[in-house]
Amino acid sequence: MARTITVAAAQMGPILSESPNPGGEGPRAAAMKRMLDLLEDAAAKGAQLVVYPELALTTFFPRAMLTDPAEVAALFEPESPAGPSIVDSPHLKPLLARASSLGVDVSIGYAERWTGEDGITTDYNTAIYYSAASGNVLGKYRKVHLPGRTTLLPEGSAQQLEKYYFTPGNLGFQAFRVPDRHQAICGMLICNDRRWPEAWRGLGLQGVELVLCGYNTSDYKPQEAGSVEEQTEMALLHHHISCQGGSYTNACFGVHVAKAGVEAEGPGGGLIGGTVIYDPLGCKVGETTTLRDELLVATLDLDLCKRQKATIFNFANHRRVEHYGRIVEQVGVEEPPLA
């Protein structure tokens, strides 16, 4: 029996924080309506899994430093061991309910405000995998490699303040099985994680077959060299290098989903598109062509992963961990002494 899964990468155009939908419910409700439309379209095209971007419920708010605690809290989904759970979120419940009725799994990124049993609250940049069959979250991932700063750059710069808003994830790179999808081995990354080979290899060592990754990536930073066009071209090049290399060197499919277009006026308000799927050989399965809401649907043969996993990237046969100590023992660069 072929182990295939039909996946829809649900690219989203910009979410404008100041623009309510026609019903007046605000930008989050407007975004949800668009996500539901993408879900319906994906289901009609035979998708069994729909993957949404990083921070899919809101604009990419880390481009600005918000100081009002209530304004910041409104951007996060509260969770705790005793409840509420993300599946109970009024902001996400319509999507999960409709996904269940359609029999379609979803993976989605959002801002999580976690209150532990000790009463300590921590904010994470998070993604989940929701199973329509079970009605449960099968996998949860918190972004590990946070880019940016905790302080502002000079006025007129594009700001990247994820370190101001979020704590690095504490769940590691954990793969999981999806029982009703041929026991597919899945893993999740978020945005900047795709640039770090260690993240991919952590999943690859668990036999991952399908990596799901949402992202919000800036197209232009005025404090850096190059025109808008030149910087955008370079950002897309680096995006594709990371995605293609991760899939190839770990013999897995990668589904990478953008939030794209101009979300805000001024520096840092634009996001690249480039939603793309790569196969285990590093070949491009498909890519979006717009900066708007757009579906990329593909049927993936998970058994294609076997070829590379059994040959060039047969880790059991070829890895030499006795030489990899520096990778986990050292953080910053330590140059050799001068000759």
C-alpha atoms as a PDB file:
ATOM      1  CA  MET A   1       0.000   0.000   0.000  1.00  0.00           C
ATOM      2  CA  ALA A   2       1.445   3.368  -1.019  1.00  0.00           C
ATOM      3  CA  ARG A   3       2.265   5.653   1.887  1.00  0.00           C
ATOM      4  CA  THR A   4       1.072   8.910   0.394  1.00  0.00           C
ATOM      5  CA  ILE A   5      -0.230  12.048   2.046  1.00  0.00           C
ATOM      6  CA  THR A   6      -1.759  15.028   0.280  1.00  0.00           C
ATOM      7  CA  VAL A   7      -0.558  18.246   1.876  1.00  0.00           C
ATOM      8  CA  ALA A   8      -1.707  21.830   1.365  1.00  0.00           C
ATOM      9  CA  ALA A   9       0.717  24.616   2.198  1.00  0.00           C
ATOM     10  CA  ALA A  10      -1.622  27.504   3.045  1.00  0.00           C
ATOM     11  CA  GLN A  11       0.337  30.677   2.381  1.00  0.00           C
ATOM     12  CA  MET A  12      -1.275  33.772   3.869  1.00  0.00           C
ATOM     13  CA  GLY A  13      -1.044  37.301   2.613  1.00  0.00           C
ATOM     14  CA  PRO A  14      -0.547  40.142   5.087  1.00  0.00           C
ATOM     15  CA  ILE A  15      -2.520  40.433   8.306  1.00  0.00           C
ATOM     16  CA  LEU A  16      -3.041  44.134   8.966  1.00  0.00           C
ATOM     17  CA  SER A  17      -3.371  44.831  12.675  1.00  0.00           C
ATOM     18  CA  GLU A  18      -5.542  47.926  12.158  1.00  0.00           C
ATOM     19  CA  SER A  19      -7.994  46.469   9.620  1.00  0.00           C
ATOM     20  CA  PRO A  20     -11.183  44.815  10.941  1.00  0.00           C
ATOM     21  CA  ASN A  21     -13.240  42.531   8.761  1.00  0.00           C
ATOM     22  CA  PRO A  22     -16.632  43.687   7.430  1.00  0.00           C
ATOM     23  CA  GLY A  23     -18.392  42.323  10.516  1.00  0.00           C
ATOM     24  CA  GLY A  24     -16.277  44.532  12.753  1.00  0.00           C
ATOM     25  CA  GLU A  25     -14.769  41.672  14.781  1.00  0.00           C
ATOM     26  CA  GLY A  26     -11.186  42.809  14.257  1.00  0.00           C
ATOM     27  CA  PRO A  27      -8.084  41.522  12.452  1.00  0.00           C
ATOM     28  CA  ARG A  28      -7.885  38.156  14.203  1.00  0.00           C
ATOM     29  CA  ALA A  29     -11.413  37.234  13.115  1.00  0.00           C
ATOM     30  CA  ALA A  30     -10.637  38.442   9.599  1.00  0.00           C
ATOM     31  CA  ALA A  31      -7.564  36.220   9.518  1.00  0.00           C
ATOM     32  CA  MET A  32      -9.623  33.265  10.744  1.00  0.00           C
ATOM     33  CA  LYS A  33     -12.140  33.743   7.949  1.00  0.00           C
ATOM     34  CA  ARG A  34      -9.299  33.577   5.439  1.00  0.00           C
ATOM     35  CA  MET A  35      -7.869  30.475   7.094  1.00  0.00           C
ATOM     36  CA  LEU A  36     -11.244  28.797   6.927  1.00  0.00           C
ATOM     37  CA  ASP A  37     -11.528  29.654   3.229  1.00  0.00           C
ATOM     38  CA  LEU A  38      -8.090  28.122   2.626  1.00  0.00           C
ATOM     39  CA  LEU A  39      -9.119  25.026   4.595  1.00  0.00           C
ATOM     40  CA  GLU A  40     -12.297  24.565   2.544  1.00  0.00           C
ATOM     41  CA  ASP A  41     -10.370  24.989  -0.702  1.00  0.00           C
ATOM     42  CA  ALA A  42      -7.704  22.530   0.449  1.00  0.00           C
ATOM     43  CA  ALA A  43     -10.270  19.927   1.453  1.00  0.00           C
ATOM     44  CA  ALA A  44     -11.979  20.281  -1.932  1.00  0.00           C
ATOM     45  CA  LYS A  45      -8.607  19.553  -3.549  1.00  0.00           C
ATOM     46  CA  GLY A  46      -8.165  16.375  -1.504  1.00  0.00           C
ATOM     47  CA  ALA A  47      -5.767  17.659   1.143  1.00  0.00           C
ATOM     48  CA  GLN A  48      -5.355  15.538   4.266  1.00  0.00           C
ATOM     49  CA  LEU A  49      -3.148  18.079   6.030  1.00  0.00           C
ATOM     50  CA  VAL A  50      -3.113  21.881   5.845  1.00  0.00           C
ATOM     51  CA  VAL A  51      -0.041  23.758   7.076  1.00  0.00           C
ATOM     52  CA  TYR A  52      -0.355  27.434   8.050  1.00  0.00           C
ATOM     53  CA  PRO A  53       2.404  30.000   8.695  1.00  0.00           C
ATOM     54  CA  GLU A  54       4.181  31.098  11.846  1.00  0.00           C
ATOM     55  CA  LEU A  55       2.054  33.463  13.995  1.00  0.00           C
ATOM     56  CA  ALA A  56      -0.868  32.821  11.678  1.00  0.00           C
ATOM     57  CA  LEU A  57      -3.490  34.449  13.910  1.00  0.00           C
ATOM     58  CA  THR A  58      -1.859  37.867  14.137  1.00  0.00           C
ATOM     59  CA  THR A  59       0.337  40.295  12.296  1.00  0.00           C
ATOM     60  CA  PHE A  60       4.088  39.774  12.840  1.00  0.00           C
ATOM     61  CA  PHE A  61       4.075  41.942  15.948  1.00  0.00           C
ATOM     62  CA  PRO A  62       7.806  41.529  16.842  1.00  0.00           C
ATOM     63  CA  ARG A  63       8.573  44.249  14.270  1.00  0.00           C
ATOM     64  CA  ALA A  64       7.571  46.795  16.963  1.00  0.00           C
ATOM     65  CA  MET A  65       8.189  47.122  20.694  1.00  0.00           C
ATOM     66  CA  LEU A  66       4.870  47.122  22.511  1.00  0.00           C
ATOM     67  CA  THR A  67       5.004  48.173  26.169  1.00  0.00           C
ATOM     68  CA  ASP A  68       1.350  47.975  27.248  1.00  0.00           C
ATOM     69  CA  PRO A  69       0.966  44.583  29.018  1.00  0.00           C
ATOM     70  CA  ALA A  70      -2.695  44.329  28.052  1.00  0.00           C
ATOM     71  CA  GLU A  71      -1.910  44.998  24.390  1.00  0.00           C
ATOM     72  CA  VAL A  72       0.799  42.330  24.435  1.00  0.00           C
ATOM     73  CA  ALA A  73      -1.378  39.801  26.296  1.00  0.00           C
ATOM     74  CA  ALA A  74      -4.090  40.171  23.660  1.00  0.00           C
ATOM     75  CA  LEU A  75      -1.689  38.749  21.036  1.00  0.00           C
ATOM     76  CA  PHE A  76      -1.080  35.506  22.966  1.00  0.00           C
ATOM     77  CA  GLU A  77      -3.098  32.345  23.510  1.00  0.00           C
ATOM     78  CA  PRO A  78      -3.169  31.405  27.230  1.00  0.00           C
ATOM     79  CA  GLU A  79      -2.412  27.784  28.141  1.00  0.00           C
ATOM     80  CA  SER A  80      -1.658  25.843  31.312  1.00  0.00           C
ATOM     81  CA  PRO A  81      -1.478  22.197  32.485  1.00  0.00           C
ATOM     82  CA  ALA A  82      -4.952  22.391  34.024  1.00  0.00           C
ATOM     83  CA  GLY A  83      -6.403  24.399  31.151  1.00  0.00           C
ATOM     84  CA  PRO A  84      -7.109  26.215  29.024  1.00  0.00           C
ATOM     85  CA  SER A  85      -5.626  24.215  26.167  1.00  0.00           C
ATOM     86  CA  ILE A  86      -4.994  25.626  22.727  1.00  0.00           C
ATOM     87  CA  VAL A  87      -7.856  23.490  21.386  1.00  0.00           C
ATOM     88  CA  ASP A  88     -10.175  25.514  23.647  1.00  0.00           C
ATOM     89  CA  SER A  89      -9.015  28.883  22.307  1.00  0.00           C
ATOM     90  CA  PRO A  90     -11.963  30.887  20.950  1.00  0.00           C
ATOM     91  CA  HIS A  91      -9.591  32.312  18.349  1.00  0.00           C
ATOM     92  CA  LEU A  92      -8.632  28.903  16.976  1.00  0.00           C
ATOM     93  CA  LYS A  93     -11.676  26.767  17.782  1.00  0.00           C
ATOM     94  CA  PRO A  94     -13.599  27.552  14.553  1.00  0.00           C
ATOM     95  CA  LEU A  95     -10.688  26.281  12.446  1.00  0.00           C
ATOM     96  CA  LEU A  96     -10.134  23.120  14.475  1.00  0.00           C
ATOM     97  CA  ALA A  97     -13.842  22.323  14.565  1.00  0.00           C
ATOM     98  CA  ARG A  98     -14.173  22.677  10.810  1.00  0.00           C
ATOM     99  CA  ALA A  99     -10.988  20.670  10.240  1.00  0.00           C
ATOM    100  CA  SER A 100     -12.425  17.846  12.331  1.00  0.00           C
ATOM    101  CA  SER A 101     -15.684  17.852  10.393  1.00  0.00           C
ATOM    102  CA  LEU A 102     -13.745  17.734   7.110  1.00  0.00           C
ATOM    103  CA  GLY A 103     -11.331  15.062   8.348  1.00  0.00           C
ATOM    104  CA  VAL A 104      -8.332  17.300   7.614  1.00  0.00           C
ATOM    105  CA  ASP A 105      -5.350  17.687   9.970  1.00  0.00           C
ATOM    106  CA  VAL A 106      -3.863  21.137  10.506  1.00  0.00           C
ATOM    107  CA  SER A 107      -0.541  22.541  11.633  1.00  0.00           C
ATOM    108  CA  ILE A 108      -0.540  26.162  12.729  1.00  0.00           C
ATOM    109  CA  GLY A 109       1.754  28.672  14.409  1.00  0.00           C
ATOM    110  CA  TYR A 110       0.682  31.099  17.151  1.00  0.00           C
ATOM    111  CA  ALA A 111       1.940  33.063  20.158  1.00  0.00           C
ATOM    112  CA  GLU A 112       1.617  30.967  23.328  1.00  0.00           C
ATOM    113  CA  ARG A 113       1.447  32.277  26.907  1.00  0.00           C
ATOM    114  CA  TRP A 114       2.167  29.258  29.096  1.00  0.00           C
ATOM    115  CA  THR A 115       1.532  29.275  32.849  1.00  0.00           C
ATOM    116  CA  GLY A 116       3.197  26.263  34.488  1.00  0.00           C
ATOM    117  CA  GLU A 117       2.221  24.411  37.634  1.00  0.00           C
ATOM    118  CA  ASP A 118       4.605  26.680  39.529  1.00  0.00           C
ATOM    119  CA  GLY A 119       2.555  29.707  38.456  1.00  0.00           C
ATOM    120  CA  ILE A 120       5.362  31.119  36.317  1.00  0.00           C
ATOM    121  CA  THR A 121       4.231  32.488  32.950  1.00  0.00           C
ATOM    122  CA  THR A 122       6.458  32.132  29.871  1.00  0.00           C
ATOM    123  CA  ASP A 123       5.803  33.307  26.320  1.00  0.00           C
ATOM    124  CA  TYR A 124       6.735  31.117  23.345  1.00  0.00           C
ATOM    125  CA  ASN A 125       6.536  31.203  19.558  1.00  0.00           C
ATOM    126  CA  THR A 126       4.693  27.915  19.060  1.00  0.00           C
ATOM    127  CA  ALA A 127       3.254  25.533  16.475  1.00  0.00           C
ATOM    128  CA  ILE A 128       0.982  22.513  16.881  1.00  0.00           C
ATOM    129  CA  TYR A 129      -0.117  19.535  14.807  1.00  0.00           C
ATOM    130  CA  TYR A 130      -3.844  18.871  15.293  1.00  0.00           C
ATOM    131  CA  SER A 131      -5.307  15.498  14.334  1.00  0.00           C
ATOM    132  CA  ALA A 132      -8.829  15.596  12.916  1.00  0.00           C
ATOM    133  CA  ALA A 133      -9.320  11.904  13.669  1.00  0.00           C
ATOM    134  CA  SER A 134      -8.526  12.126  17.376  1.00  0.00           C
ATOM    135  CA  GLY A 135      -9.448  15.740  18.023  1.00  0.00           C
ATOM    136  CA  ASN A 136      -6.154  16.106  19.859  1.00  0.00           C
ATOM    137  CA  VAL A 137      -2.824  17.844  19.475  1.00  0.00           C
ATOM    138  CA  LEU A 138      -0.344  15.146  18.423  1.00  0.00           C
ATOM    139  CA  GLY A 139       2.720  17.393  18.356  1.00  0.00           C
ATOM    140  CA  LYS A 140       3.721  20.721  19.843  1.00  0.00           C
ATOM    141  CA  TYR A 141       6.864  22.695  19.090  1.00  0.00           C
ATOM    142  CA  ARG A 142       8.274  25.891  20.585  1.00  0.00           C
ATOM    143  CA  LYS A 143      10.715  27.867  18.456  1.00  0.00           C
ATOM    144  CA  VAL A 144      14.288  27.354  19.642  1.00  0.00           C
ATOM    145  CA  HIS A 145      16.403  29.679  17.482  1.00  0.00           C
ATOM    146  CA  LEU A 146      14.966  33.120  18.180  1.00  0.00           C
ATOM    147  CA  PRO A 147      16.448  35.854  15.955  1.00  0.00           C
ATOM    148  CA  GLY A 148      16.657  39.530  16.735  1.00  0.00           C
ATOM    149  CA  ARG A 149      17.189  41.548  19.876  1.00  0.00           C
ATOM    150  CA  THR A 150      15.674  42.661  23.184  1.00  0.00           C
ATOM    151  CA  THR A 151      16.480  46.333  22.544  1.00  0.00           C
ATOM    152  CA  LEU A 152      15.670  48.726  19.727  1.00  0.00           C
ATOM    153  CA  LEU A 153      17.979  49.588  16.856  1.00  0.00           C
ATOM    154  CA  PRO A 154      18.281  53.266  15.828  1.00  0.00           C
ATOM    155  CA  GLU A 155      15.142  54.935  14.494  1.00  0.00           C
ATOM    156  CA  GLY A 156      14.505  54.126  10.850  1.00  0.00           C
ATOM    157  CA  SER A 157      15.796  50.570  11.167  1.00  0.00           C
ATOM    158  CA  ALA A 158      13.747  47.426  10.615  1.00  0.00           C
ATOM    159  CA  GLN A 159      13.276  45.935  14.058  1.00  0.00           C
ATOM    160  CA  GLN A 160      13.363  42.223  14.884  1.00  0.00           C
ATOM    161  CA  LEU A 161      12.388  41.772  18.523  1.00  0.00           C
ATOM    162  CA  GLU A 162      11.556  38.103  18.998  1.00  0.00           C
ATOM    163  CA  LYS A 163      14.022  37.906  21.883  1.00  0.00           C
ATOM    164  CA  TYR A 164      12.018  40.707  23.533  1.00  0.00           C
ATOM    165  CA  TYR A 165       8.708  38.845  23.277  1.00  0.00           C
ATOM    166  CA  PHE A 166       9.598  35.160  23.456  1.00  0.00           C
ATOM    167  CA  THR A 167      11.674  32.681  25.436  1.00  0.00           C
ATOM    168  CA  PRO A 168      13.600  30.018  23.479  1.00  0.00           C
ATOM    169  CA  GLY A 169      11.570  26.821  23.230  1.00  0.00           C
ATOM    170  CA  ASN A 170      12.031  24.085  25.832  1.00  0.00           C
ATOM    171  CA  LEU A 171      10.551  21.076  24.015  1.00  0.00           C
ATOM    172  CA  GLY A 172      13.534  20.320  21.773  1.00  0.00           C
ATOM    173  CA  PHE A 173      13.201  18.826  18.325  1.00  0.00           C
ATOM    174  CA  GLN A 174      10.749  16.000  18.917  1.00  0.00           C
ATOM    175  CA  ALA A 175       9.348  13.914  16.062  1.00  0.00           C
ATOM    176  CA  PHE A 176       5.977  12.175  16.389  1.00  0.00           C
ATOM    177  CA  ARG A 177       3.819   9.653  14.554  1.00  0.00           C
ATOM    178  CA  VAL A 178       0.494  10.397  12.874  1.00  0.00           C
ATOM    179  CA  PRO A 179      -1.376   7.066  13.190  1.00  0.00           C
ATOM    180  CA  ASP A 180      -4.119   7.721  10.635  1.00  0.00           C
ATOM    181  CA  ARG A 181      -1.632   9.036   8.044  1.00  0.00           C
ATOM    182  CA  HIS A 182       0.316   5.814   7.453  1.00  0.00           C
ATOM    183  CA  GLN A 183       2.231   6.281  10.740  1.00  0.00           C
ATOM    184  CA  ALA A 184       4.018   9.216   9.095  1.00  0.00           C
ATOM    185  CA  ILE A 185       6.930  10.521  11.149  1.00  0.00           C
ATOM    186  CA  CYS A 186       6.517  14.274  11.430  1.00  0.00           C
ATOM    187  CA  GLY A 187       8.463  17.102  12.963  1.00  0.00           C
ATOM    188  CA  MET A 188       8.021  20.858  13.202  1.00  0.00           C
ATOM    189  CA  LEU A 189      10.321  23.867  12.922  1.00  0.00           C
ATOM    190  CA  ILE A 190       9.509  27.580  12.946  1.00  0.00           C
ATOM    191  CA  CYS A 191      11.072  30.185  10.650  1.00  0.00           C
ATOM    192  CA  ASN A 192      14.681  30.814  11.750  1.00  0.00           C
ATOM    193  CA  ASP A 193      15.027  27.177  12.884  1.00  0.00           C
ATOM    194  CA  ARG A 194      15.143  26.137   9.224  1.00  0.00           C
ATOM    195  CA  ARG A 195      18.545  27.841   8.920  1.00  0.00           C
ATOM    196  CA  TRP A 196      20.148  25.654  11.609  1.00  0.00           C
ATOM    197  CA  PRO A 197      21.372  22.200  10.502  1.00  0.00           C
ATOM    198  CA  GLU A 198      21.337  21.015  14.120  1.00  0.00           C
ATOM    199  CA  ALA A 199      17.554  21.400  14.204  1.00  0.00           C
ATOM    200  CA  TRP A 200      17.084  19.312  11.069  1.00  0.00           C
ATOM    201  CA  ARG A 201      19.525  16.651  12.224  1.00  0.00           C
ATOM    202  CA  GLY A 202      17.740  16.343  15.569  1.00  0.00           C
ATOM    203  CA  LEU A 203      14.622  15.377  13.630  1.00  0.00           C
ATOM    204  CA  GLY A 204      16.536  13.349  11.036  1.00  0.00           C
ATOM    205  CA  LEU A 205      17.952  11.119  13.770  1.00  0.00           C
ATOM    206  CA  GLN A 206      14.365  10.137  14.593  1.00  0.00           C
ATOM    207  CA  GLY A 207      13.683   9.088  11.008  1.00  0.00           C
ATOM    208  CA  VAL A 208      11.569  12.152  10.203  1.00  0.00           C
ATOM    209  CA  GLU A 209       9.719  11.959   6.876  1.00  0.00           C
ATOM    210  CA  LEU A 210       7.797  15.235   6.883  1.00  0.00           C
ATOM    211  CA  VAL A 211       9.026  18.532   8.368  1.00  0.00           C
ATOM    212  CA  LEU A 212       6.456  21.327   8.690  1.00  0.00           C
ATOM    213  CA  CYS A 213       7.748  24.882   8.980  1.00  0.00           C
ATOM    214  CA  GLY A 214       5.878  28.189   9.008  1.00  0.00           C
ATOM    215  CA  TYR A 215       7.751  31.469   8.700  1.00  0.00           C
ATOM    216  CA  ASN A 216       7.527  35.282   8.605  1.00  0.00           C
ATOM    217  CA  THR A 217      10.712  36.544   6.927  1.00  0.00           C
ATOM    218  CA  SER A 218      11.486  40.220   6.256  1.00  0.00           C
ATOM    219  CA  ASP A 219      12.091  41.322   2.691  1.00  0.00           C
ATOM    220  CA  TYR A 220      14.057  44.519   3.422  1.00  0.00           C
ATOM    221  CA  LYS A 221      16.048  46.135   6.223  1.00  0.00           C
ATOM    222  CA  PRO A 222      17.102  49.727   5.429  1.00  0.00           C
ATOM    223  CA  GLN A 223      20.060  49.489   7.810  1.00  0.00           C
ATOM    224  CA  GLU A 224      21.593  46.803   5.580  1.00  0.00           C
ATOM    225  CA  ALA A 225      23.204  47.117   2.150  1.00  0.00           C
ATOM    226  CA  GLY A 226      21.223  46.674  -1.061  1.00  0.00           C
ATOM    227  CA  SER A 227      17.947  47.758  -2.594  1.00  0.00           C
ATOM    228  CA  VAL A 228      14.564  46.247  -1.732  1.00  0.00           C
ATOM    229  CA  GLU A 229      14.829  44.032  -4.807  1.00  0.00           C
ATOM    230  CA  GLU A 230      18.379  42.920  -4.023  1.00  0.00           C
ATOM    231  CA  GLN A 231      17.649  42.139  -0.390  1.00  0.00           C
ATOM    232  CA  THR A 232      14.444  40.301  -1.258  1.00  0.00           C
ATOM    233  CA  GLU A 233      16.284  38.182  -3.827  1.00  0.00           C
ATOM    234  CA  MET A 234      18.966  37.350  -1.263  1.00  0.00           C
ATOM    235  CA  ALA A 235      16.397  36.542   1.429  1.00  0.00           C
ATOM    236  CA  LEU A 236      14.668  34.110  -0.930  1.00  0.00           C
ATOM    237  CA  LEU A 237      18.007  32.540  -1.897  1.00  0.00           C
ATOM    238  CA  HIS A 238      18.911  31.905   1.744  1.00  0.00           C
ATOM    239  CA  HIS A 239      15.408  30.596   2.413  1.00  0.00           C
ATOM    240  CA  HIS A 240      15.663  28.053  -0.393  1.00  0.00           C
ATOM    241  CA  ILE A 241      19.214  26.998   0.498  1.00  0.00           C
ATOM    242  CA  SER A 242      18.074  26.229   4.039  1.00  0.00           C
ATOM    243  CA  CYS A 243      14.928  24.356   3.051  1.00  0.00           C
ATOM    244  CA  GLN A 244      16.484  22.368   0.231  1.00  0.00           C
ATOM    245  CA  GLY A 245      19.585  21.464   2.239  1.00  0.00           C
ATOM    246  CA  GLY A 246      17.568  20.377   5.262  1.00  0.00           C
ATOM    247  CA  SER A 247      15.401  18.021   3.214  1.00  0.00           C
ATOM    248  CA  TYR A 248      18.333  16.588   1.271  1.00  0.00           C
ATOM    249  CA  THR A 249      20.678  15.977   4.196  1.00  0.00           C
ATOM    250  CA  ASN A 250      17.952  14.348   6.286  1.00  0.00           C
ATOM    251  CA  ALA A 251      16.099  12.507   3.511  1.00  0.00           C
ATOM    252  CA  CYS A 252      12.707  14.015   4.235  1.00  0.00           C
ATOM    253  CA  PHE A 253      10.000  16.197   2.739  1.00  0.00           C
ATOM    254  CA  GLY A 254       9.880  19.808   3.897  1.00  0.00           C
ATOM    255  CA  VAL A 255       6.723  21.926   3.760  1.00  0.00           C
ATOM    256  CA  HIS A 256       7.578  25.603   4.280  1.00  0.00           C
ATOM    257  CA  VAL A 257       4.729  28.099   4.521  1.00  0.00           C
ATOM    258  CA  ALA A 258       4.995  31.895   4.400  1.00  0.00           C
ATOM    259  CA  LYS A 259       3.066  34.803   5.671  1.00  0.00           C
ATOM    260  CA  ALA A 260       3.799  37.243   2.842  1.00  0.00           C
ATOM    261  CA  GLY A 261       3.263  40.769   1.595  1.00  0.00           C
ATOM    262  CA  VAL A 262       3.272  44.186   3.258  1.00  0.00           C
ATOM    263  CA  GLU A 263       1.828  44.009   6.766  1.00  0.00           C
ATOM    264  CA  ALA A 264       2.840  47.480   7.931  1.00  0.00           C
ATOM    265  CA  GLU A 265       4.141  50.762   6.570  1.00  0.00           C
ATOM    266  CA  GLY A 266       7.740  51.664   7.217  1.00  0.00           C
ATOM    267  CA  PRO A 267      10.882  49.605   7.790  1.00  0.00           C
ATOM    268  CA  GLY A 268      10.397  45.882   8.261  1.00  0.00           C
ATOM    269  CA  GLY A 269       6.763  45.846   7.207  1.00  0.00           C
ATOM    270  CA  GLY A 270       7.218  43.558   4.204  1.00  0.00           C
ATOM    271  CA  LEU A 271       7.522  39.771   4.215  1.00  0.00           C
ATOM    272  CA  ILE A 272       8.829  37.445   1.511  1.00  0.00           C
ATOM    273  CA  GLY A 273       6.672  34.711   0.023  1.00  0.00           C
ATOM    274  CA  GLY A 274       8.309  31.643  -1.420  1.00  0.00           C
ATOM    275  CA  THR A 275       6.098  28.987   0.149  1.00  0.00           C
ATOM    276  CA  VAL A 276       7.715  25.776  -1.065  1.00  0.00           C
ATOM    277  CA  ILE A 277       7.788  22.007  -0.736  1.00  0.00           C
ATOM    278  CA  TYR A 278      11.047  20.052  -1.187  1.00  0.00           C
ATOM    279  CA  ASP A 279      11.397  16.289  -1.489  1.00  0.00           C
ATOM    280  CA  PRO A 280      14.014  13.978   0.105  1.00  0.00           C
ATOM    281  CA  LEU A 281      16.316  14.342  -2.910  1.00  0.00           C
ATOM    282  CA  GLY A 282      16.350  18.119  -2.576  1.00  0.00           C
ATOM    283  CA  CYS A 283      14.057  18.583  -5.585  1.00  0.00           C
ATOM    284  CA  LYS A 284      11.407  21.291  -5.539  1.00  0.00           C
ATOM    285  CA  VAL A 285       7.892  19.818  -5.569  1.00  0.00           C
ATOM    286  CA  GLY A 286       6.199  23.198  -5.980  1.00  0.00           C
ATOM    287  CA  GLU A 287       6.286  26.875  -5.005  1.00  0.00           C
ATOM    288  CA  THR A 288       3.752  29.698  -4.714  1.00  0.00           C
ATOM    289  CA  THR A 289       3.856  32.613  -7.135  1.00  0.00           C
ATOM    290  CA  THR A 290       2.103  35.438  -5.239  1.00  0.00           C
ATOM    291  CA  LEU A 291       2.291  37.408  -1.975  1.00  0.00           C
ATOM    292  CA  ARG A 292      -1.377  36.702  -1.254  1.00  0.00           C
ATOM    293  CA  ASP A 293      -3.398  33.870   0.257  1.00  0.00           C
ATOM    294  CA  GLU A 294      -2.471  30.928  -1.960  1.00  0.00           C
ATOM    295  CA  LEU A 295      -2.643  27.144  -1.696  1.00  0.00           C
ATOM    296  CA  LEU A 296       0.135  24.821  -2.780  1.00  0.00           C
ATOM    297  CA  VAL A 297      -1.233  21.270  -2.870  1.00  0.00           C
ATOM    298  CA  ALA A 298       0.885  18.170  -3.470  1.00  0.00           C
ATOM    299  CA  THR A 299       0.637  14.435  -2.905  1.00  0.00           C
ATOM    300  CA  LEU A 300       3.827  13.186  -1.269  1.00  0.00           C
ATOM    301  CA  ASP A 301       5.071   9.591  -1.356  1.00  0.00           C
ATOM    302  CA  LEU A 302       6.623   9.077   2.062  1.00  0.00           C
ATOM    303  CA  ASP A 303       8.440   5.964   0.884  1.00  0.00           C
ATOM    304  CA  LEU A 304      10.626   8.219  -1.268  1.00  0.00           C
ATOM    305  CA  CYS A 305      12.485   8.988   1.966  1.00  0.00           C
ATOM    306  CA  LYS A 306      13.768   5.402   2.169  1.00  0.00           C
ATOM    307  CA  ARG A 307      16.298   5.693  -0.661  1.00  0.00           C
ATOM    308  CA  GLN A 308      18.494   8.350   0.925  1.00  0.00           C
ATOM    309  CA  LYS A 309      17.960   7.052   4.469  1.00  0.00           C
ATOM    310  CA  ALA A 310      19.304   3.663   3.379  1.00  0.00           C
ATOM    311  CA  THR A 311      22.294   4.946   1.385  1.00  0.00           C
ATOM    312  CA  ILE A 312      24.188   8.228   1.599  1.00  0.00           C
ATOM    313  CA  PHE A 313      22.400   9.390   4.763  1.00  0.00           C
ATOM    314  CA  ASN A 314      22.325   6.033   6.507  1.00  0.00           C
ATOM    315  CA  PHE A 315      23.269   7.545   9.848  1.00  0.00           C
ATOM    316  CA  ALA A 316      23.943   4.240  11.591  1.00  0.00           C
ATOM    317  CA  ASN A 317      26.559   3.346   8.985  1.00  0.00           C
ATOM    318  CA  HIS A 318      28.253   6.668   8.414  1.00  0.00           C
ATOM    319  CA  ARG A 319      27.985   9.069  11.372  1.00  0.00           C
ATOM    320  CA  ARG A 320      31.142   9.583  13.452  1.00  0.00           C
ATOM    321  CA  VAL A 321      29.945  11.088  16.693  1.00  0.00           C
ATOM    322  CA  GLU A 322      33.405  10.861  18.286  1.00  0.00           C
ATOM    323  CA  HIS A 323      34.347  13.866  16.160  1.00  0.00           C
ATOM    324  CA  TYR A 324      31.228  15.979  16.774  1.00  0.00           C
ATOM    325  CA  GLY A 325      31.896  17.093  20.350  1.00  0.00           C
ATOM    326  CA  ARG A 326      32.526  20.716  19.435  1.00  0.00           C
ATOM    327  CA  ILE A 327      28.996  21.018  18.052  1.00  0.00           C
ATOM    328  CA  VAL A 328      27.391  20.565  21.480  1.00  0.00           C
ATOM    329  CA  GLU A 329      30.206  21.718  23.756  1.00  0.00           C
ATOM    330  CA  GLN A 330      30.886  25.103  22.137  1.00  0.00           C
ATOM    331  CA  VAL A 331      28.516  28.001  21.502  1.00  0.00           C
ATOM    332  CA  GLY A 332      30.469  30.908  20.012  1.00  0.00           C
ATOM    333  CA  VAL A 333      33.332  30.842  17.526  1.00  0.00           C
ATOM    334  CA  GLU A 334      36.745  29.975  18.929  1.00  0.00           C
ATOM    335  CA  GLU A 335      39.390  30.646  16.276  1.00  0.00           C
ATOM    336  CA  PRO A 336      42.657  28.707  16.138  1.00  0.00           C
ATOM    337  CA  PRO A 337      45.704  30.645  17.407  1.00  0.00           C
ATOM    338  CA  LEU A 338      47.614  32.884  15.037  1.00  0.00           C
ATOM    339  CA  ALA A 339      50.321  31.095  13.070  1.00  0.00           C
END
